[in-house]
Structure formats: structure tokens, C-alpha cells
């Protein structure tokens, strides 16, 4: 797994290339933690992340450090498997805030098969 990072003003775009699992989690957490303080939005682009295990849930749903700046986190370009994992996680734990994480996703009832 590797990633690319692009910062546009106050928005950081992290594009993950490869699987998101416990082996890649520390690297991705470090990338997010190392962003400059002026970054107020973090966008995870998962187009090239075709597989994500529960480590991805930790990455996407964990709260930022209280010492760091508040940051809005969103996810774009989800492949089918990571999207299904996120939907399953919200079925198990309805308190998870999926709407803010996937702002451009269709309503959940349109994703049901």
C-alpha cells in the first residue's frame, strides 16, 4: 500500500493505492496526523483501495486528537467492498455517522440489494 497526498488550501486529499488493513493503518494514521494545522477537511479518495478490513473503519471513524485542529473527514470513490463494509458497520452500530462521511452517496435505501 502507498498513498499520494495533495493539499488544496484547507483541504487535504489522500489517495490510497492498495488495501487498507492493519499493516497499512499506522502509515495512513501518520499521514493524517502530519497534516498542517490549516487543513480543516480531509478527503480520503479510495478509488484504488479495492479492499478494506475493519482497520479502515478505525481510520475513517476515529475522532481526531484533542490537541489537533477539528477536521471534517469525507470519503470519495468507494469501491463496492469498502462501501459494503461501511454499510454493514452502520447496520451493526446505527450511531456511526455515515451521512457526514459520504456526503455525495445516495440514500441507503437505494443501495440495498
PDB file of N, CA and C in Angstrom:
ATOM      1  N   UNK A   1       0.840  -1.167   0.000  1.00  0.00           N
ATOM      2  CA  UNK A   1       0.000   0.000   0.000  1.00  0.00           C
ATOM      3  C   UNK A   1       0.889   1.234   0.000  1.00  0.00           C
ATOM      4  N   UNK A   2       0.494   2.214  -0.761  1.00  0.00           N
ATOM      5  CA  UNK A   2       1.103   3.533  -0.697  1.00  0.00           C
ATOM      6  C   UNK A   2      -0.012   4.549  -0.902  1.00  0.00           C
ATOM      7  N   UNK A   3       0.302   5.807  -0.717  1.00  0.00           N
ATOM      8  CA  UNK A   3      -0.717   6.833  -0.874  1.00  0.00           C
ATOM      9  C   UNK A   3      -0.083   8.067  -1.492  1.00  0.00           C
ATOM     10  N   UNK A   4      -0.935   8.907  -2.054  1.00  0.00           N
ATOM     11  CA  UNK A   4      -0.494  10.215  -2.530  1.00  0.00           C
ATOM     12  C   UNK A   4      -1.287  11.271  -1.773  1.00  0.00           C
ATOM     13  N   UNK A   5      -0.658  12.409  -1.573  1.00  0.00           N
ATOM     14  CA  UNK A   5      -1.251  13.487  -0.788  1.00  0.00           C
ATOM     15  C   UNK A   5      -1.204  14.772  -1.604  1.00  0.00           C
ATOM     16  N   UNK A   6      -2.333  15.456  -1.631  1.00  0.00           N
ATOM     17  CA  UNK A   6      -2.420  16.754  -2.293  1.00  0.00           C
ATOM     18  C   UNK A   6      -3.179  17.698  -1.364  1.00  0.00           C
ATOM     19  N   UNK A   7      -2.620  18.862  -1.134  1.00  0.00           N
ATOM     20  CA  UNK A   7      -3.278  19.848  -0.278  1.00  0.00           C
ATOM     21  C   UNK A   7      -3.683  21.030  -1.142  1.00  0.00           C
ATOM     22  N   UNK A   8      -4.971  21.346  -1.110  1.00  0.00           N
ATOM     23  CA  UNK A   8      -5.546  22.491  -1.824  1.00  0.00           C
ATOM     24  C   UNK A   8      -6.124  23.435  -0.783  1.00  0.00           C
ATOM     25  N   UNK A   9      -5.377  24.441  -0.414  1.00  0.00           N
ATOM     26  CA  UNK A   9      -5.858  25.388   0.600  1.00  0.00           C
ATOM     27  C   UNK A   9      -6.047  24.714   1.941  1.00  0.00           C
ATOM     28  N   UNK A  10      -7.310  24.605   2.371  1.00  0.00           N
ATOM     29  CA  UNK A  10      -7.607  23.994   3.670  1.00  0.00           C
ATOM     30  C   UNK A  10      -8.062  22.540   3.549  1.00  0.00           C
ATOM     31  N   UNK A  11      -7.974  21.982   2.340  1.00  0.00           N
ATOM     32  CA  UNK A  11      -8.419  20.598   2.111  1.00  0.00           C
ATOM     33  C   UNK A  11      -7.255  19.715   1.708  1.00  0.00           C
ATOM     34  N   UNK A  12      -7.119  18.596   2.391  1.00  0.00           N
ATOM     35  CA  UNK A  12      -6.114  17.586   2.039  1.00  0.00           C
ATOM     36  C   UNK A  12      -6.821  16.411   1.382  1.00  0.00           C
ATOM     37  N   UNK A  13      -6.280  15.957   0.263  1.00  0.00           N
ATOM     38  CA  UNK A  13      -6.798  14.794  -0.455  1.00  0.00           C
ATOM     39  C   UNK A  13      -5.746  13.687  -0.338  1.00  0.00           C
ATOM     40  N   UNK A  14      -6.129  12.592   0.304  1.00  0.00           N
ATOM     41  CA  UNK A  14      -5.239  11.443   0.419  1.00  0.00           C
ATOM     42  C   UNK A  14      -5.821  10.332  -0.451  1.00  0.00           C
ATOM     43  N   UNK A  15      -5.067   9.926  -1.453  1.00  0.00           N
ATOM     44  CA  UNK A  15      -5.488   8.848  -2.338  1.00  0.00           C
ATOM     45  C   UNK A  15      -4.722   7.600  -1.947  1.00  0.00           C
ATOM     46  N   UNK A  16      -5.463   6.588  -1.546  1.00  0.00           N
ATOM     47  CA  UNK A  16      -4.868   5.327  -1.095  1.00  0.00           C
ATOM     48  C   UNK A  16      -4.761   4.383  -2.288  1.00  0.00           C
ATOM     49  N   UNK A  17      -3.587   3.802  -2.470  1.00  0.00           N
ATOM     50  CA  UNK A  17      -3.340   2.839  -3.539  1.00  0.00           C
ATOM     51  C   UNK A  17      -3.011   1.500  -2.886  1.00  0.00           C
ATOM     52  N   UNK A  18      -3.977   0.603  -2.857  1.00  0.00           N
ATOM     53  CA  UNK A  18      -3.770  -0.695  -2.232  1.00  0.00           C
ATOM     54  C   UNK A  18      -4.782  -0.936  -1.133  1.00  0.00           C
ATOM     55  N   UNK A  19      -4.579  -2.013  -0.407  1.00  0.00           N
ATOM     56  CA  UNK A  19      -5.521  -2.420   0.631  1.00  0.00           C
ATOM     57  C   UNK A  19      -5.360  -1.587   1.899  1.00  0.00           C
ATOM     58  N   UNK A  20      -6.489  -1.361   2.563  1.00  0.00           N
ATOM     59  CA  UNK A  20      -6.461  -0.728   3.877  1.00  0.00           C
ATOM     60  C   UNK A  20      -6.687  -1.845   4.888  1.00  0.00           C
ATOM     61  N   UNK A  21      -5.635  -2.147   5.634  1.00  0.00           N
ATOM     62  CA  UNK A  21      -5.703  -3.205   6.647  1.00  0.00           C
ATOM     63  C   UNK A  21      -4.816  -2.784   7.812  1.00  0.00           C
ATOM     64  N   UNK A  22      -4.645  -3.681   8.789  1.00  0.00           N
ATOM     65  CA  UNK A  22      -3.864  -3.303   9.968  1.00  0.00           C
ATOM     66  C   UNK A  22      -2.390  -3.047   9.644  1.00  0.00           C
ATOM     67  N   UNK A  23      -1.886  -3.602   8.567  1.00  0.00           N
ATOM     68  CA  UNK A  23      -0.494  -3.319   8.184  1.00  0.00           C
ATOM     69  C   UNK A  23      -0.350  -1.890   7.659  1.00  0.00           C
ATOM     70  N   UNK A  24      -1.361  -1.390   6.956  1.00  0.00           N
ATOM     71  CA  UNK A  24      -1.281  -0.044   6.387  1.00  0.00           C
ATOM     72  C   UNK A  24      -1.837   1.038   7.319  1.00  0.00           C
ATOM     73  N   UNK A  25      -2.572   0.649   8.347  1.00  0.00           N
ATOM     74  CA  UNK A  25      -3.217   1.612   9.238  1.00  0.00           C
ATOM     75  C   UNK A  25      -2.246   2.612   9.874  1.00  0.00           C
ATOM     76  N   UNK A  26      -1.100   2.191  10.434  1.00  0.00           N
ATOM     77  CA  UNK A  26      -0.203   3.174  11.043  1.00  0.00           C
ATOM     78  C   UNK A  26       0.305   4.229  10.051  1.00  0.00           C
ATOM     79  N   UNK A  27       0.587   3.820   8.831  1.00  0.00           N
ATOM     80  CA  UNK A  27       1.058   4.760   7.812  1.00  0.00           C
ATOM     81  C   UNK A  27      -0.018   5.783   7.477  1.00  0.00           C
ATOM     82  N   UNK A  28      -1.261   5.328   7.320  1.00  0.00           N
ATOM     83  CA  UNK A  28      -2.344   6.239   6.976  1.00  0.00           C
ATOM     84  C   UNK A  28      -2.689   7.161   8.145  1.00  0.00           C
ATOM     85  N   UNK A  29      -2.657   6.626   9.354  1.00  0.00           N
ATOM     86  CA  UNK A  29      -2.883   7.484  10.532  1.00  0.00           C
ATOM     87  C   UNK A  29      -1.802   8.561  10.629  1.00  0.00           C
ATOM     88  N   UNK A  30      -0.567   8.180  10.374  1.00  0.00           N
ATOM     89  CA  UNK A  30       0.540   9.146  10.434  1.00  0.00           C
ATOM     90  C   UNK A  30       0.373  10.227   9.365  1.00  0.00           C
ATOM     91  N   UNK A  31      -0.103   9.850   8.187  1.00  0.00           N
ATOM     92  CA  UNK A  31      -0.334  10.841   7.126  1.00  0.00           C
ATOM     93  C   UNK A  31      -1.380  11.859   7.573  1.00  0.00           C
ATOM     94  N   UNK A  32      -2.449  11.390   8.175  1.00  0.00           N
ATOM     95  CA  UNK A  32      -3.500  12.300   8.648  1.00  0.00           C
ATOM     96  C   UNK A  32      -2.999  13.148   9.807  1.00  0.00           C
ATOM     97  N   UNK A  33      -2.261  12.550  10.722  1.00  0.00           N
ATOM     98  CA  UNK A  33      -1.758  13.290  11.884  1.00  0.00           C
ATOM     99  C   UNK A  33      -0.713  14.331  11.485  1.00  0.00           C
ATOM    100  N   UNK A  34      -0.013  14.104  10.398  1.00  0.00           N
ATOM    101  CA  UNK A  34       1.042  15.009   9.978  1.00  0.00           C
ATOM    102  C   UNK A  34       0.588  16.166   9.099  1.00  0.00           C
ATOM    103  N   UNK A  35      -0.713  16.277   8.894  1.00  0.00           N
ATOM    104  CA  UNK A  35      -1.205  17.378   8.065  1.00  0.00           C
ATOM    105  C   UNK A  35      -1.014  18.713   8.774  1.00  0.00           C
ATOM    106  N   UNK A  36      -0.790  19.776   8.008  1.00  0.00           N
ATOM    107  CA  UNK A  36      -0.622  21.095   8.628  1.00  0.00           C
ATOM    108  C   UNK A  36      -1.895  21.534   9.363  1.00  0.00           C
ATOM    109  N   UNK A  37      -1.755  22.369  10.377  1.00  0.00           N
ATOM    110  CA  UNK A  37      -2.923  22.779  11.163  1.00  0.00           C
ATOM    111  C   UNK A  37      -3.984  23.537  10.371  1.00  0.00           C
ATOM    112  N   UNK A  38      -3.616  24.174   9.259  1.00  0.00           N
ATOM    113  CA  UNK A  38      -4.616  24.915   8.486  1.00  0.00           C
ATOM    114  C   UNK A  38      -5.558  24.006   7.708  1.00  0.00           C
ATOM    115  N   UNK A  39      -5.254  22.700   7.637  1.00  0.00           N
ATOM    116  CA  UNK A  39      -6.132  21.760   6.935  1.00  0.00           C
ATOM    117  C   UNK A  39      -7.347  21.479   7.821  1.00  0.00           C
ATOM    118  N   UNK A  40      -8.523  21.844   7.315  1.00  0.00           N
ATOM    119  CA  UNK A  40      -9.767  21.662   8.073  1.00  0.00           C
ATOM    120  C   UNK A  40     -10.653  20.577   7.477  1.00  0.00           C
ATOM    121  N   UNK A  41     -10.269  20.070   6.311  1.00  0.00           N
ATOM    122  CA  UNK A  41     -11.028  18.984   5.694  1.00  0.00           C
ATOM    123  C   UNK A  41     -10.065  17.940   5.146  1.00  0.00           C
ATOM    124  N   UNK A  42     -10.355  16.691   5.455  1.00  0.00           N
ATOM    125  CA  UNK A  42      -9.559  15.563   4.986  1.00  0.00           C
ATOM    126  C   UNK A  42     -10.443  14.692   4.113  1.00  0.00           C
ATOM    127  N   UNK A  43     -10.052  14.524   2.857  1.00  0.00           N
ATOM    128  CA  UNK A  43     -10.803  13.701   1.912  1.00  0.00           C
ATOM    129  C   UNK A  43      -9.981  12.458   1.605  1.00  0.00           C
ATOM    130  N   UNK A  44     -10.532  11.303   1.955  1.00  0.00           N
ATOM    131  CA  UNK A  44      -9.902  10.030   1.615  1.00  0.00           C
ATOM    132  C   UNK A  44     -10.471   9.585   0.272  1.00  0.00           C
ATOM    133  N   UNK A  45      -9.631   9.499  -0.740  1.00  0.00           N
ATOM    134  CA  UNK A  45     -10.042   9.012  -2.054  1.00  0.00           C
ATOM    135  C   UNK A  45      -9.659   7.534  -2.122  1.00  0.00           C
ATOM    136  N   UNK A  46     -10.672   6.674  -2.177  1.00  0.00           N
ATOM    137  CA  UNK A  46     -10.431   5.227  -2.096  1.00  0.00           C
ATOM    138  C   UNK A  46     -10.652   4.520  -3.431  1.00  0.00           C
ATOM    139  N   UNK A  47     -10.497   5.254  -4.526  1.00  0.00           N
ATOM    140  CA  UNK A  47     -10.674   4.653  -5.845  1.00  0.00           C
ATOM    141  C   UNK A  47      -9.773   3.439  -6.048  1.00  0.00           C
ATOM    142  N   UNK A  48      -8.535   3.517  -5.604  1.00  0.00           N
ATOM    143  CA  UNK A  48      -7.586   2.424  -5.789  1.00  0.00           C
ATOM    144  C   UNK A  48      -7.466   1.526  -4.563  1.00  0.00           C
ATOM    145  N   UNK A  49      -8.354   1.695  -3.604  1.00  0.00           N
ATOM    146  CA  UNK A  49      -8.388   0.819  -2.424  1.00  0.00           C
ATOM    147  C   UNK A  49      -9.565  -0.133  -2.621  1.00  0.00           C
ATOM    148  N   UNK A  50      -9.304  -1.239  -3.249  1.00  0.00           N
ATOM    149  CA  UNK A  50     -10.374  -2.181  -3.603  1.00  0.00           C
ATOM    150  C   UNK A  50     -10.804  -3.049  -2.432  1.00  0.00           C
ATOM    151  N   UNK A  51      -9.977  -3.098  -1.374  1.00  0.00           N
ATOM    152  CA  UNK A  51     -10.297  -3.898  -0.192  1.00  0.00           C
ATOM    153  C   UNK A  51      -9.995  -3.086   1.059  1.00  0.00           C
ATOM    154  N   UNK A  52     -10.897  -3.206   2.036  1.00  0.00           N
ATOM    155  CA  UNK A  52     -10.703  -2.557   3.328  1.00  0.00           C
ATOM    156  C   UNK A  52     -11.254  -3.480   4.390  1.00  0.00           C
ATOM    157  N   UNK A  53     -10.445  -3.740   5.431  1.00  0.00           N
ATOM    158  CA  UNK A  53     -10.961  -4.531   6.539  1.00  0.00           C
ATOM    159  C   UNK A  53     -11.337  -3.589   7.680  1.00  0.00           C
ATOM    160  N   UNK A  54     -11.544  -4.120   8.860  1.00  0.00           N
ATOM    161  CA  UNK A  54     -12.006  -3.316   9.990  1.00  0.00           C
ATOM    162  C   UNK A  54     -11.028  -2.194  10.337  1.00  0.00           C
ATOM    163  N   UNK A  55      -9.780  -2.318   9.950  1.00  0.00           N
ATOM    164  CA  UNK A  55      -8.813  -1.232  10.171  1.00  0.00           C
ATOM    165  C   UNK A  55      -9.272   0.042   9.459  1.00  0.00           C
ATOM    166  N   UNK A  56      -9.879  -0.104   8.303  1.00  0.00           N
ATOM    167  CA  UNK A  56     -10.409   1.051   7.589  1.00  0.00           C
ATOM    168  C   UNK A  56     -11.510   1.747   8.360  1.00  0.00           C
ATOM    169  N   UNK A  57     -12.313   0.970   9.082  1.00  0.00           N
ATOM    170  CA  UNK A  57     -13.350   1.578   9.916  1.00  0.00           C
ATOM    171  C   UNK A  57     -12.727   2.413  11.021  1.00  0.00           C
ATOM    172  N   UNK A  58     -11.670   1.880  11.624  1.00  0.00           N
ATOM    173  CA  UNK A  58     -10.963   2.648  12.653  1.00  0.00           C
ATOM    174  C   UNK A  58     -10.418   3.945  12.064  1.00  0.00           C
ATOM    175  N   UNK A  59      -9.832   3.863  10.899  1.00  0.00           N
ATOM    176  CA  UNK A  59      -9.245   5.036  10.254  1.00  0.00           C
ATOM    177  C   UNK A  59     -10.301   6.100   9.963  1.00  0.00           C
ATOM    178  N   UNK A  60     -11.426   5.688   9.416  1.00  0.00           N
ATOM    179  CA  UNK A  60     -12.419   6.645   8.959  1.00  0.00           C
ATOM    180  C   UNK A  60     -13.314   7.197  10.068  1.00  0.00           C
ATOM    181  N   UNK A  61     -13.519   6.413  11.121  1.00  0.00           N
ATOM    182  CA  UNK A  61     -14.452   6.839  12.166  1.00  0.00           C
ATOM    183  C   UNK A  61     -13.787   7.337  13.442  1.00  0.00           C
ATOM    184  N   UNK A  62     -12.460   7.190  13.560  1.00  0.00           N
ATOM    185  CA  UNK A  62     -11.836   7.637  14.801  1.00  0.00           C
ATOM    186  C   UNK A  62     -11.862   9.150  14.904  1.00  0.00           C
ATOM    187  N   UNK A  63     -11.967   9.623  16.125  1.00  0.00           N
ATOM    188  CA  UNK A  63     -12.014  11.058  16.380  1.00  0.00           C
ATOM    189  C   UNK A  63     -10.604  11.626  16.317  1.00  0.00           C
ATOM    190  N   UNK A  64     -10.467  12.847  15.805  1.00  0.00           N
ATOM    191  CA  UNK A  64      -9.136  13.458  15.774  1.00  0.00           C
ATOM    192  C   UNK A  64      -8.629  13.733  17.187  1.00  0.00           C
ATOM    193  N   UNK A  65      -7.337  13.877  17.295  1.00  0.00           N
ATOM    194  CA  UNK A  65      -6.711  14.164  18.580  1.00  0.00           C
ATOM    195  C   UNK A  65      -7.224  15.491  19.118  1.00  0.00           C
ATOM    196  N   UNK A  66      -7.490  15.567  20.436  1.00  0.00           N
ATOM    197  CA  UNK A  66      -7.955  16.837  21.008  1.00  0.00           C
ATOM    198  C   UNK A  66      -6.925  17.957  20.862  1.00  0.00           C
ATOM    199  N   UNK A  67      -5.651  17.600  20.719  1.00  0.00           N
ATOM    200  CA  UNK A  67      -4.607  18.611  20.546  1.00  0.00           C
ATOM    201  C   UNK A  67      -4.601  19.179  19.120  1.00  0.00           C
ATOM    202  N   UNK A  68      -5.121  18.425  18.175  1.00  0.00           N
ATOM    203  CA  UNK A  68      -5.113  18.863  16.789  1.00  0.00           C
ATOM    204  C   UNK A  68      -6.327  19.709  16.445  1.00  0.00           C
ATOM    205  N   UNK A  69      -6.308  20.303  15.258  1.00  0.00           N
ATOM    206  CA  UNK A  69      -7.444  21.121  14.837  1.00  0.00           C
ATOM    207  C   UNK A  69      -8.650  20.241  14.488  1.00  0.00           C
ATOM    208  N   UNK A  70      -9.866  20.772  14.648  1.00  0.00           N
ATOM    209  CA  UNK A  70     -11.035  19.990  14.218  1.00  0.00           C
ATOM    210  C   UNK A  70     -10.992  19.840  12.703  1.00  0.00           C
ATOM    211  N   UNK A  71     -11.349  18.660  12.231  1.00  0.00           N
ATOM    212  CA  UNK A  71     -11.263  18.364  10.807  1.00  0.00           C
ATOM    213  C   UNK A  71     -12.485  17.599  10.350  1.00  0.00           C
ATOM    214  N   UNK A  72     -13.069  18.027   9.254  1.00  0.00           N
ATOM    215  CA  UNK A  72     -14.148  17.283   8.620  1.00  0.00           C
ATOM    216  C   UNK A  72     -13.515  16.190   7.769  1.00  0.00           C
ATOM    217  N   UNK A  73     -14.007  14.965   7.902  1.00  0.00           N
ATOM    218  CA  UNK A  73     -13.485  13.844   7.127  1.00  0.00           C
ATOM    219  C   UNK A  73     -14.571  13.328   6.196  1.00  0.00           C
ATOM    220  N   UNK A  74     -14.213  13.164   4.928  1.00  0.00           N
ATOM    221  CA  UNK A  74     -15.128  12.575   3.959  1.00  0.00           C
ATOM    222  C   UNK A  74     -14.387  11.520   3.148  1.00  0.00           C
ATOM    223  N   UNK A  75     -15.171  10.685   2.468  1.00  0.00           N
ATOM    224  CA  UNK A  75     -14.625   9.604   1.649  1.00  0.00           C
ATOM    225  C   UNK A  75     -15.245   9.701   0.259  1.00  0.00           C
ATOM    226  N   UNK A  76     -14.433   9.526  -0.763  1.00  0.00           N
ATOM    227  CA  UNK A  76     -14.934   9.537  -2.133  1.00  0.00           C
ATOM    228  C   UNK A  76     -14.460   8.296  -2.874  1.00  0.00           C
ATOM    229  N   UNK A  77     -15.139   8.005  -3.968  1.00  0.00           N
ATOM    230  CA  UNK A  77     -14.752   6.948  -4.908  1.00  0.00           C
ATOM    231  C   UNK A  77     -14.615   5.575  -4.260  1.00  0.00           C
ATOM    232  N   UNK A  78     -15.582   5.209  -3.453  1.00  0.00           N
ATOM    233  CA  UNK A  78     -15.543   3.906  -2.797  1.00  0.00           C
ATOM    234  C   UNK A  78     -15.802   2.774  -3.783  1.00  0.00           C
ATOM    235  N   UNK A  79     -14.975   1.762  -3.714  1.00  0.00           N
ATOM    236  CA  UNK A  79     -15.207   0.522  -4.458  1.00  0.00           C
ATOM    237  C   UNK A  79     -16.323  -0.249  -3.746  1.00  0.00           C
ATOM    238  N   UNK A  80     -16.909  -1.242  -4.392  1.00  0.00           N
ATOM    239  CA  UNK A  80     -18.030  -1.960  -3.782  1.00  0.00           C
ATOM    240  C   UNK A  80     -17.723  -2.597  -2.424  1.00  0.00           C
ATOM    241  N   UNK A  81     -16.585  -3.233  -2.266  1.00  0.00           N
ATOM    242  CA  UNK A  81     -16.308  -3.917  -0.993  1.00  0.00           C
ATOM    243  C   UNK A  81     -16.161  -2.937   0.164  1.00  0.00           C
ATOM    244  N   UNK A  82     -15.369  -1.866   0.056  1.00  0.00           N
ATOM    245  CA  UNK A  82     -15.313  -0.916   1.169  1.00  0.00           C
ATOM    246  C   UNK A  82     -16.663  -0.252   1.465  1.00  0.00           C
ATOM    247  N   UNK A  83     -17.437   0.026   0.439  1.00  0.00           N
ATOM    248  CA  UNK A  83     -18.765   0.611   0.661  1.00  0.00           C
ATOM    249  C   UNK A  83     -19.645  -0.354   1.431  1.00  0.00           C
ATOM    250  N   UNK A  84     -19.625  -1.609   1.045  1.00  0.00           N
ATOM    251  CA  UNK A  84     -20.452  -2.621   1.744  1.00  0.00           C
ATOM    252  C   UNK A  84     -20.009  -2.745   3.200  1.00  0.00           C
ATOM    253  N   UNK A  85     -18.710  -2.696   3.463  1.00  0.00           N
ATOM    254  CA  UNK A  85     -18.213  -2.755   4.838  1.00  0.00           C
ATOM    255  C   UNK A  85     -18.734  -1.574   5.656  1.00  0.00           C
ATOM    256  N   UNK A  86     -18.709  -0.379   5.075  1.00  0.00           N
ATOM    257  CA  UNK A  86     -19.231   0.793   5.789  1.00  0.00           C
ATOM    258  C   UNK A  86     -20.721   0.652   6.069  1.00  0.00           C
ATOM    259  N   UNK A  87     -21.468   0.154   5.100  1.00  0.00           N
ATOM    260  CA  UNK A  87     -22.906  -0.040   5.299  1.00  0.00           C
ATOM    261  C   UNK A  87     -23.183  -1.092   6.367  1.00  0.00           C
ATOM    262  N   UNK A  88     -22.416  -2.170   6.373  1.00  0.00           N
ATOM    263  CA  UNK A  88     -22.577  -3.189   7.408  1.00  0.00           C
ATOM    264  C   UNK A  88     -22.248  -2.631   8.789  1.00  0.00           C
ATOM    265  N   UNK A  89     -21.212  -1.815   8.861  1.00  0.00           N
ATOM    266  CA  UNK A  89     -20.832  -1.223  10.146  1.00  0.00           C
ATOM    267  C   UNK A  89     -21.955  -0.362  10.698  1.00  0.00           C
ATOM    268  N   UNK A  90     -22.629   0.374   9.828  1.00  0.00           N
ATOM    269  CA  UNK A  90     -23.722   1.223  10.310  1.00  0.00           C
ATOM    270  C   UNK A  90     -24.969   0.411  10.645  1.00  0.00           C
ATOM    271  N   UNK A  91     -25.126  -0.748  10.029  1.00  0.00           N
ATOM    272  CA  UNK A  91     -26.229  -1.634  10.420  1.00  0.00           C
ATOM    273  C   UNK A  91     -25.995  -2.173  11.823  1.00  0.00           C
ATOM    274  N   UNK A  92     -24.752  -2.527  12.121  1.00  0.00           N
ATOM    275  CA  UNK A  92     -24.402  -3.061  13.435  1.00  0.00           C
ATOM    276  C   UNK A  92     -24.418  -1.960  14.484  1.00  0.00           C
ATOM    277  N   UNK A  93     -23.939  -0.777  14.108  1.00  0.00           N
ATOM    278  CA  UNK A  93     -23.869   0.356  15.037  1.00  0.00           C
ATOM    279  C   UNK A  93     -24.507   1.580  14.375  1.00  0.00           C
ATOM    280  N   UNK A  94     -25.819   1.745  14.525  1.00  0.00           N
ATOM    281  CA  UNK A  94     -26.506   2.872  13.877  1.00  0.00           C
ATOM    282  C   UNK A  94     -26.020   4.244  14.340  1.00  0.00           C
ATOM    283  N   UNK A  95     -25.287   4.312  15.445  1.00  0.00           N
ATOM    284  CA  UNK A  95     -24.779   5.590  15.930  1.00  0.00           C
ATOM    285  C   UNK A  95     -23.634   6.124  15.056  1.00  0.00           C
ATOM    286  N   UNK A  96     -23.051   5.277  14.224  1.00  0.00           N
ATOM    287  CA  UNK A  96     -21.985   5.752  13.335  1.00  0.00           C
ATOM    288  C   UNK A  96     -22.566   6.761  12.346  1.00  0.00           C
ATOM    289  N   UNK A  97     -21.870   7.842  12.153  1.00  0.00           N
ATOM    290  CA  UNK A  97     -22.330   8.931  11.289  1.00  0.00           C
ATOM    291  C   UNK A  97     -21.848   8.717   9.856  1.00  0.00           C
ATOM    292  N   UNK A  98     -22.584   7.949   9.091  1.00  0.00           N
ATOM    293  CA  UNK A  98     -22.198   7.671   7.714  1.00  0.00           C
ATOM    294  C   UNK A  98     -22.535   8.839   6.784  1.00  0.00           C
ATOM    295  N   UNK A  99     -23.584   9.589   7.087  1.00  0.00           N
ATOM    296  CA  UNK A  99     -24.019  10.675   6.207  1.00  0.00           C
ATOM    297  C   UNK A  99     -22.947  11.744   6.057  1.00  0.00           C
ATOM    298  N   UNK A 100     -22.241  12.072   7.137  1.00  0.00           N
ATOM    299  CA  UNK A 100     -21.203  13.100   7.006  1.00  0.00           C
ATOM    300  C   UNK A 100     -19.946  12.557   6.340  1.00  0.00           C
ATOM    301  N   UNK A 101     -19.742  11.254   6.441  1.00  0.00           N
ATOM    302  CA  UNK A 101     -18.556  10.640   5.841  1.00  0.00           C
ATOM    303  C   UNK A 101     -18.709  10.489   4.323  1.00  0.00           C
ATOM    304  N   UNK A 102     -19.941  10.239   3.893  1.00  0.00           N
ATOM    305  CA  UNK A 102     -20.235  10.022   2.469  1.00  0.00           C
ATOM    306  C   UNK A 102     -21.267  11.044   1.998  1.00  0.00           C
ATOM    307  N   UNK A 103     -20.922  12.299   1.936  1.00  0.00           N
ATOM    308  CA  UNK A 103     -21.925  13.327   1.637  1.00  0.00           C
ATOM    309  C   UNK A 103     -22.556  13.228   0.254  1.00  0.00           C
ATOM    310  N   UNK A 104     -21.872  12.587  -0.704  1.00  0.00           N
ATOM    311  CA  UNK A 104     -22.429  12.500  -2.050  1.00  0.00           C
ATOM    312  C   UNK A 104     -23.044  11.140  -2.361  1.00  0.00           C
ATOM    313  N   UNK A 105     -23.222  10.309  -1.332  1.00  0.00           N
ATOM    314  CA  UNK A 105     -23.789   8.974  -1.537  1.00  0.00           C
ATOM    315  C   UNK A 105     -25.304   9.052  -1.658  1.00  0.00           C
ATOM    316  N   UNK A 106     -25.905   8.145  -2.437  1.00  0.00           N
ATOM    317  CA  UNK A 106     -27.361   8.100  -2.496  1.00  0.00           C
ATOM    318  C   UNK A 106     -27.920   7.616  -1.166  1.00  0.00           C
ATOM    319  N   UNK A 107     -29.185   7.847  -0.896  1.00  0.00           N
ATOM    320  CA  UNK A 107     -29.785   7.350   0.342  1.00  0.00           C
ATOM    321  C   UNK A 107     -29.588   5.847   0.481  1.00  0.00           C
ATOM    322  N   UNK A 108     -29.488   5.386   1.718  1.00  0.00           N
ATOM    323  CA  UNK A 108     -29.179   3.972   1.994  1.00  0.00           C
ATOM    324  C   UNK A 108     -30.188   3.038   1.345  1.00  0.00           C
ATOM    325  N   UNK A 109     -31.460   3.421   1.282  1.00  0.00           N
ATOM    326  CA  UNK A 109     -32.456   2.515   0.702  1.00  0.00           C
ATOM    327  C   UNK A 109     -32.233   2.284  -0.794  1.00  0.00           C
ATOM    328  N   UNK A 110     -31.499   3.172  -1.459  1.00  0.00           N
ATOM    329  CA  UNK A 110     -31.168   2.958  -2.870  1.00  0.00           C
ATOM    330  C   UNK A 110     -29.985   2.009  -3.036  1.00  0.00           C
ATOM    331  N   UNK A 111     -29.223   1.779  -1.952  1.00  0.00           N
ATOM    332  CA  UNK A 111     -28.060   0.909  -2.032  1.00  0.00           C
ATOM    333  C   UNK A 111     -28.411  -0.531  -1.680  1.00  0.00           C
ATOM    334  N   UNK A 112     -29.599  -0.765  -1.128  1.00  0.00           N
ATOM    335  CA  UNK A 112     -29.981  -2.118  -0.729  1.00  0.00           C
ATOM    336  C   UNK A 112     -30.211  -2.975  -1.957  1.00  0.00           C
ATOM    337  N   UNK A 113     -29.696  -4.202  -1.880  1.00  0.00           N
ATOM    338  CA  UNK A 113     -29.933  -5.156  -2.974  1.00  0.00           C
ATOM    339  C   UNK A 113     -30.742  -6.315  -2.450  1.00  0.00           C
TER     340      UNK A 113
END
